């Protein structure tokens, strides 16, 4: 099959198109999650067919969104982080990297317990990448905060939570923002910044 993407694809392909594709896959995933008896193997097959179609039709954003969805499903719903990473590597070799795929890889590494490797990806990926997969950003920043906290980097964790809250403010998630605010205060306190914790 034709290779359709590489790390050098322009931002308009990495960003909006991948983000839109991810919204589509998220809706399928949520529908399956709400089913009385979710069939994750069937859902995975649908995603894999979309991935194959995207490659045949040279639709890089769709292929990147499908690749992320496949790896995430295998990790979160089939509880197989090792297989999820294998698939992520295989698809990256086929279509190249994208911000969304890198973000999902970090999430898988975190669930697998490779916390330092996950945080290393987010440290490189998230700063300045808002336009590339903006709808996922606030949740990715929160996961980066979790990773930093697990490593005892409480000040960094608090900073990630603050940026997650700023991004959530932009999409009007008041309840989620309140939770982030509480978490940030706790992280500031754990990092020895008592005044910062009280200012939250």
C-alpha atoms as a PDB file:
ATOM      1  CA  UNK A   1       0.000   0.000   0.000  1.00  0.00           C
ATOM      2  CA  UNK A   2       1.040   3.575  -0.638  1.00  0.00           C
ATOM      3  CA  UNK A   3       2.714   5.415   2.186  1.00  0.00           C
ATOM      4  CA  UNK A   4       0.539   8.456   2.737  1.00  0.00           C
ATOM      5  CA  UNK A   5       2.144  10.448   5.484  1.00  0.00           C
ATOM      6  CA  UNK A   6       5.393  11.220   7.209  1.00  0.00           C
ATOM      7  CA  UNK A   7       6.535  13.365  10.125  1.00  0.00           C
ATOM      8  CA  UNK A   8       6.933  16.204   7.594  1.00  0.00           C
ATOM      9  CA  UNK A   9       3.242  16.438   6.604  1.00  0.00           C
ATOM     10  CA  UNK A  10       2.055  20.057   6.930  1.00  0.00           C
ATOM     11  CA  UNK A  11       0.152  21.188   9.999  1.00  0.00           C
ATOM     12  CA  UNK A  12      -3.163  21.495   8.132  1.00  0.00           C
ATOM     13  CA  UNK A  13      -3.058  17.715   7.570  1.00  0.00           C
ATOM     14  CA  UNK A  14      -1.783  16.902  11.052  1.00  0.00           C
ATOM     15  CA  UNK A  15      -4.255  19.199  12.738  1.00  0.00           C
ATOM     16  CA  UNK A  16      -7.786  19.896  11.614  1.00  0.00           C
ATOM     17  CA  UNK A  17      -8.285  16.820   9.491  1.00  0.00           C
ATOM     18  CA  UNK A  18      -6.920  14.465  12.111  1.00  0.00           C
ATOM     19  CA  UNK A  19      -8.928  16.217  14.813  1.00  0.00           C
ATOM     20  CA  UNK A  20     -12.145  15.967  12.800  1.00  0.00           C
ATOM     21  CA  UNK A  21     -11.504  12.301  12.104  1.00  0.00           C
ATOM     22  CA  UNK A  22     -10.894  11.697  15.790  1.00  0.00           C
ATOM     23  CA  UNK A  23     -14.276  13.237  16.619  1.00  0.00           C
ATOM     24  CA  UNK A  24     -15.920  10.699  14.312  1.00  0.00           C
ATOM     25  CA  UNK A  25     -14.117   7.765  15.908  1.00  0.00           C
ATOM     26  CA  UNK A  26     -14.868   9.086  19.387  1.00  0.00           C
ATOM     27  CA  UNK A  27     -18.582   9.090  18.602  1.00  0.00           C
ATOM     28  CA  UNK A  28     -18.434   5.467  17.457  1.00  0.00           C
ATOM     29  CA  UNK A  29     -16.468   4.577  20.600  1.00  0.00           C
ATOM     30  CA  UNK A  30     -18.954   6.332  22.884  1.00  0.00           C
ATOM     31  CA  UNK A  31     -21.885   4.614  21.186  1.00  0.00           C
ATOM     32  CA  UNK A  32     -20.239   1.239  21.771  1.00  0.00           C
ATOM     33  CA  UNK A  33     -19.457   2.140  25.370  1.00  0.00           C
ATOM     34  CA  UNK A  34     -23.132   2.882  26.013  1.00  0.00           C
ATOM     35  CA  UNK A  35     -24.294  -0.392  24.481  1.00  0.00           C
ATOM     36  CA  UNK A  36     -25.773  -3.006  26.800  1.00  0.00           C
ATOM     37  CA  UNK A  37     -23.042  -5.439  25.770  1.00  0.00           C
ATOM     38  CA  UNK A  38     -20.164  -3.570  24.074  1.00  0.00           C
ATOM     39  CA  UNK A  39     -18.481  -5.566  21.318  1.00  0.00           C
ATOM     40  CA  UNK A  40     -15.000  -4.082  21.274  1.00  0.00           C
ATOM     41  CA  UNK A  41     -13.647  -6.574  18.771  1.00  0.00           C
ATOM     42  CA  UNK A  42     -16.315  -5.544  16.279  1.00  0.00           C
ATOM     43  CA  UNK A  43     -15.617  -1.884  16.994  1.00  0.00           C
ATOM     44  CA  UNK A  44     -11.919  -2.475  16.424  1.00  0.00           C
ATOM     45  CA  UNK A  45     -12.741  -4.108  13.084  1.00  0.00           C
ATOM     46  CA  UNK A  46     -14.719  -1.040  12.019  1.00  0.00           C
ATOM     47  CA  UNK A  47     -11.789   1.202  12.897  1.00  0.00           C
ATOM     48  CA  UNK A  48      -9.364  -1.064  11.055  1.00  0.00           C
ATOM     49  CA  UNK A  49     -11.545  -1.012   7.940  1.00  0.00           C
ATOM     50  CA  UNK A  50     -11.624   2.786   8.090  1.00  0.00           C
ATOM     51  CA  UNK A  51      -7.841   2.819   8.429  1.00  0.00           C
ATOM     52  CA  UNK A  52      -7.419   0.556   5.399  1.00  0.00           C
ATOM     53  CA  UNK A  53      -9.846   2.655   3.357  1.00  0.00           C
ATOM     54  CA  UNK A  54      -8.040   5.861   4.304  1.00  0.00           C
ATOM     55  CA  UNK A  55      -4.739   4.414   3.134  1.00  0.00           C
ATOM     56  CA  UNK A  56      -6.226   3.224  -0.155  1.00  0.00           C
ATOM     57  CA  UNK A  57      -7.818   6.612  -0.796  1.00  0.00           C
ATOM     58  CA  UNK A  58      -4.825   8.649   0.399  1.00  0.00           C
ATOM     59  CA  UNK A  59      -6.687  10.382   3.229  1.00  0.00           C
ATOM     60  CA  UNK A  60      -3.937  11.046   5.779  1.00  0.00           C
ATOM     61  CA  UNK A  61      -6.066  12.759   8.424  1.00  0.00           C
ATOM     62  CA  UNK A  62      -8.566   9.898   8.444  1.00  0.00           C
ATOM     63  CA  UNK A  63      -5.781   7.312   8.590  1.00  0.00           C
ATOM     64  CA  UNK A  64      -4.097   9.117  11.488  1.00  0.00           C
ATOM     65  CA  UNK A  65      -7.368   9.411  13.394  1.00  0.00           C
ATOM     66  CA  UNK A  66      -8.114   5.730  12.821  1.00  0.00           C
ATOM     67  CA  UNK A  67      -4.621   4.726  13.924  1.00  0.00           C
ATOM     68  CA  UNK A  68      -5.055   6.604  17.163  1.00  0.00           C
ATOM     69  CA  UNK A  69      -8.517   5.121  17.731  1.00  0.00           C
ATOM     70  CA  UNK A  70      -7.319   1.550  17.116  1.00  0.00           C
ATOM     71  CA  UNK A  71      -4.386   1.806  19.507  1.00  0.00           C
ATOM     72  CA  UNK A  72      -6.513   3.488  22.163  1.00  0.00           C
ATOM     73  CA  UNK A  73      -9.263   0.875  21.960  1.00  0.00           C
ATOM     74  CA  UNK A  74      -6.823  -2.017  22.244  1.00  0.00           C
ATOM     75  CA  UNK A  75      -5.247  -0.392  25.289  1.00  0.00           C
ATOM     76  CA  UNK A  76      -8.325   0.854  27.135  1.00  0.00           C
ATOM     77  CA  UNK A  77     -11.038  -1.611  26.147  1.00  0.00           C
ATOM     78  CA  UNK A  78      -9.135  -4.787  25.339  1.00  0.00           C
ATOM     79  CA  UNK A  79      -6.651  -4.144  28.174  1.00  0.00           C
ATOM     80  CA  UNK A  80      -3.600  -4.979  26.105  1.00  0.00           C
ATOM     81  CA  UNK A  81      -1.079  -2.161  26.273  1.00  0.00           C
ATOM     82  CA  UNK A  82       1.683  -4.283  24.751  1.00  0.00           C
ATOM     83  CA  UNK A  83      -0.404  -5.060  21.668  1.00  0.00           C
ATOM     84  CA  UNK A  84      -1.542  -1.440  21.493  1.00  0.00           C
ATOM     85  CA  UNK A  85       2.066  -0.260  21.347  1.00  0.00           C
ATOM     86  CA  UNK A  86       2.899  -2.873  18.718  1.00  0.00           C
ATOM     87  CA  UNK A  87       0.025  -1.673  16.571  1.00  0.00           C
ATOM     88  CA  UNK A  88       0.933   1.964  17.129  1.00  0.00           C
ATOM     89  CA  UNK A  89       4.490   1.285  15.948  1.00  0.00           C
ATOM     90  CA  UNK A  90       3.245  -0.687  12.940  1.00  0.00           C
ATOM     91  CA  UNK A  91       0.839   2.038  11.834  1.00  0.00           C
ATOM     92  CA  UNK A  92       3.409   4.764  12.392  1.00  0.00           C
ATOM     93  CA  UNK A  93       5.755   2.855  10.087  1.00  0.00           C
ATOM     94  CA  UNK A  94       2.982   2.717   7.481  1.00  0.00           C
ATOM     95  CA  UNK A  95       1.615   6.267   7.587  1.00  0.00           C
ATOM     96  CA  UNK A  96       4.075   8.316   9.610  1.00  0.00           C
ATOM     97  CA  UNK A  97       3.644  10.124  12.910  1.00  0.00           C
ATOM     98  CA  UNK A  98       1.070  12.711  13.879  1.00  0.00           C
ATOM     99  CA  UNK A  99       0.430  14.685  17.083  1.00  0.00           C
ATOM    100  CA  UNK A 100      -2.669  12.647  17.855  1.00  0.00           C
ATOM    101  CA  UNK A 101      -0.842   9.353  17.431  1.00  0.00           C
ATOM    102  CA  UNK A 102       2.026  10.543  19.609  1.00  0.00           C
ATOM    103  CA  UNK A 103      -0.449  11.671  22.251  1.00  0.00           C
ATOM    104  CA  UNK A 104      -2.146   8.263  22.259  1.00  0.00           C
ATOM    105  CA  UNK A 105       1.229   6.547  22.490  1.00  0.00           C
ATOM    106  CA  UNK A 106       2.008   8.568  25.612  1.00  0.00           C
ATOM    107  CA  UNK A 107      -1.350   7.595  27.099  1.00  0.00           C
ATOM    108  CA  UNK A 108      -0.663   3.910  26.430  1.00  0.00           C
ATOM    109  CA  UNK A 109       2.792   4.158  27.973  1.00  0.00           C
ATOM    110  CA  UNK A 110       1.270   5.757  31.065  1.00  0.00           C
ATOM    111  CA  UNK A 111      -1.267   2.952  31.462  1.00  0.00           C
ATOM    112  CA  UNK A 112       1.538   0.432  30.941  1.00  0.00           C
ATOM    113  CA  UNK A 113       3.548   1.992  33.755  1.00  0.00           C
ATOM    114  CA  UNK A 114       6.234   3.574  31.571  1.00  0.00           C
ATOM    115  CA  UNK A 115       5.560   6.913  33.204  1.00  0.00           C
ATOM    116  CA  UNK A 116       8.848   8.659  32.421  1.00  0.00           C
ATOM    117  CA  UNK A 117       8.621   7.774  28.726  1.00  0.00           C
ATOM    118  CA  UNK A 118       5.025   8.990  28.588  1.00  0.00           C
ATOM    119  CA  UNK A 119       5.904  12.299  30.204  1.00  0.00           C
ATOM    120  CA  UNK A 120       8.857  12.753  27.849  1.00  0.00           C
ATOM    121  CA  UNK A 121       6.481  12.571  24.885  1.00  0.00           C
ATOM    122  CA  UNK A 122       4.055  15.087  26.388  1.00  0.00           C
ATOM    123  CA  UNK A 123       6.865  17.466  27.310  1.00  0.00           C
ATOM    124  CA  UNK A 124       7.885  17.566  23.657  1.00  0.00           C
ATOM    125  CA  UNK A 125       4.429  17.394  22.118  1.00  0.00           C
ATOM    126  CA  UNK A 126       2.088  19.598  24.115  1.00  0.00           C
ATOM    127  CA  UNK A 127       3.755  23.008  24.442  1.00  0.00           C
ATOM    128  CA  UNK A 128       2.733  25.117  21.477  1.00  0.00           C
ATOM    129  CA  UNK A 129       0.695  22.385  19.775  1.00  0.00           C
ATOM    130  CA  UNK A 130      -2.789  23.696  20.531  1.00  0.00           C
ATOM    131  CA  UNK A 131      -3.897  23.985  16.903  1.00  0.00           C
ATOM    132  CA  UNK A 132      -2.890  20.433  16.070  1.00  0.00           C
ATOM    133  CA  UNK A 133      -5.444  18.503  18.099  1.00  0.00           C
ATOM    134  CA  UNK A 134      -7.060  21.154  20.259  1.00  0.00           C
ATOM    135  CA  UNK A 135     -10.148  19.245  21.425  1.00  0.00           C
ATOM    136  CA  UNK A 136      -7.977  16.663  23.183  1.00  0.00           C
ATOM    137  CA  UNK A 137      -5.513  19.140  24.643  1.00  0.00           C
ATOM    138  CA  UNK A 138      -6.994  19.706  28.089  1.00  0.00           C
ATOM    139  CA  UNK A 139      -7.237  15.966  28.792  1.00  0.00           C
ATOM    140  CA  UNK A 140      -3.702  15.371  27.553  1.00  0.00           C
ATOM    141  CA  UNK A 141      -2.383  18.099  29.850  1.00  0.00           C
ATOM    142  CA  UNK A 142      -4.192  16.446  32.756  1.00  0.00           C
ATOM    143  CA  UNK A 143      -2.613  13.069  31.927  1.00  0.00           C
ATOM    144  CA  UNK A 144       0.789  14.757  31.769  1.00  0.00           C
ATOM    145  CA  UNK A 145       0.049  16.102  35.266  1.00  0.00           C
ATOM    146  CA  UNK A 146      -0.729  12.576  36.448  1.00  0.00           C
ATOM    147  CA  UNK A 147       2.560  11.339  34.993  1.00  0.00           C
ATOM    148  CA  UNK A 148       4.537  14.138  36.638  1.00  0.00           C
ATOM    149  CA  UNK A 149       2.869  13.463  39.994  1.00  0.00           C
ATOM    150  CA  UNK A 150       3.719   9.766  39.792  1.00  0.00           C
ATOM    151  CA  UNK A 151       7.350  10.770  39.313  1.00  0.00           C
ATOM    152  CA  UNK A 152       7.216  13.132  42.279  1.00  0.00           C
ATOM    153  CA  UNK A 153       7.429  16.217  40.068  1.00  0.00           C
ATOM    154  CA  UNK A 154       4.681  18.057  41.903  1.00  0.00           C
ATOM    155  CA  UNK A 155       5.441  21.570  40.680  1.00  0.00           C
ATOM    156  CA  UNK A 156       5.436  20.384  37.095  1.00  0.00           C
ATOM    157  CA  UNK A 157       2.230  18.477  37.767  1.00  0.00           C
ATOM    158  CA  UNK A 158       0.600  21.659  39.062  1.00  0.00           C
ATOM    159  CA  UNK A 159       1.756  23.573  35.986  1.00  0.00           C
ATOM    160  CA  UNK A 160       0.207  20.953  33.695  1.00  0.00           C
ATOM    161  CA  UNK A 161      -3.047  21.178  35.646  1.00  0.00           C
ATOM    162  CA  UNK A 162      -3.038  24.956  35.320  1.00  0.00           C
ATOM    163  CA  UNK A 163      -2.611  24.726  31.549  1.00  0.00           C
ATOM    164  CA  UNK A 164      -5.302  22.028  31.384  1.00  0.00           C
ATOM    165  CA  UNK A 165      -7.649  24.374  33.206  1.00  0.00           C
ATOM    166  CA  UNK A 166      -6.855  27.260  30.863  1.00  0.00           C
ATOM    167  CA  UNK A 167      -7.683  25.077  27.874  1.00  0.00           C
ATOM    168  CA  UNK A 168     -10.862  23.787  29.506  1.00  0.00           C
ATOM    169  CA  UNK A 169     -11.966  27.383  30.164  1.00  0.00           C
ATOM    170  CA  UNK A 170     -11.844  27.972  26.421  1.00  0.00           C
ATOM    171  CA  UNK A 171     -14.389  25.216  25.782  1.00  0.00           C
ATOM    172  CA  UNK A 172     -16.606  26.103  28.779  1.00  0.00           C
ATOM    173  CA  UNK A 173     -16.231  23.069  31.046  1.00  0.00           C
ATOM    174  CA  UNK A 174     -16.979  24.595  34.429  1.00  0.00           C
ATOM    175  CA  UNK A 175     -17.251  21.386  36.467  1.00  0.00           C
ATOM    176  CA  UNK A 176     -14.095  19.927  34.952  1.00  0.00           C
ATOM    177  CA  UNK A 177     -12.269  23.217  35.576  1.00  0.00           C
ATOM    178  CA  UNK A 178     -13.297  23.145  39.225  1.00  0.00           C
ATOM    179  CA  UNK A 179     -11.833  19.676  39.620  1.00  0.00           C
ATOM    180  CA  UNK A 180      -8.603  20.775  37.958  1.00  0.00           C
ATOM    181  CA  UNK A 181      -8.407  23.754  40.289  1.00  0.00           C
ATOM    182  CA  UNK A 182      -8.654  21.512  43.351  1.00  0.00           C
ATOM    183  CA  UNK A 183      -6.071  19.118  41.935  1.00  0.00           C
ATOM    184  CA  UNK A 184      -3.705  21.967  41.164  1.00  0.00           C
ATOM    185  CA  UNK A 185      -3.982  23.273  44.716  1.00  0.00           C
ATOM    186  CA  UNK A 186      -3.115  19.837  46.062  1.00  0.00           C
ATOM    187  CA  UNK A 187      -0.137  19.541  43.695  1.00  0.00           C
ATOM    188  CA  UNK A 188       1.126  22.993  44.727  1.00  0.00           C
ATOM    189  CA  UNK A 189       0.899  21.942  48.381  1.00  0.00           C
ATOM    190  CA  UNK A 190       2.722  18.666  47.686  1.00  0.00           C
ATOM    191  CA  UNK A 191       5.418  20.649  45.918  1.00  0.00           C
ATOM    192  CA  UNK A 192       5.915  22.829  48.993  1.00  0.00           C
ATOM    193  CA  UNK A 193       4.176  25.895  47.566  1.00  0.00           C
ATOM    194  CA  UNK A 194       1.700  26.529  50.381  1.00  0.00           C
ATOM    195  CA  UNK A 195       0.916  30.059  49.248  1.00  0.00           C
ATOM    196  CA  UNK A 196       0.267  28.844  45.711  1.00  0.00           C
ATOM    197  CA  UNK A 197      -2.016  26.138  47.053  1.00  0.00           C
ATOM    198  CA  UNK A 198      -4.049  28.691  49.050  1.00  0.00           C
ATOM    199  CA  UNK A 199      -4.283  31.021  46.058  1.00  0.00           C
ATOM    200  CA  UNK A 200      -6.016  28.401  43.937  1.00  0.00           C
END
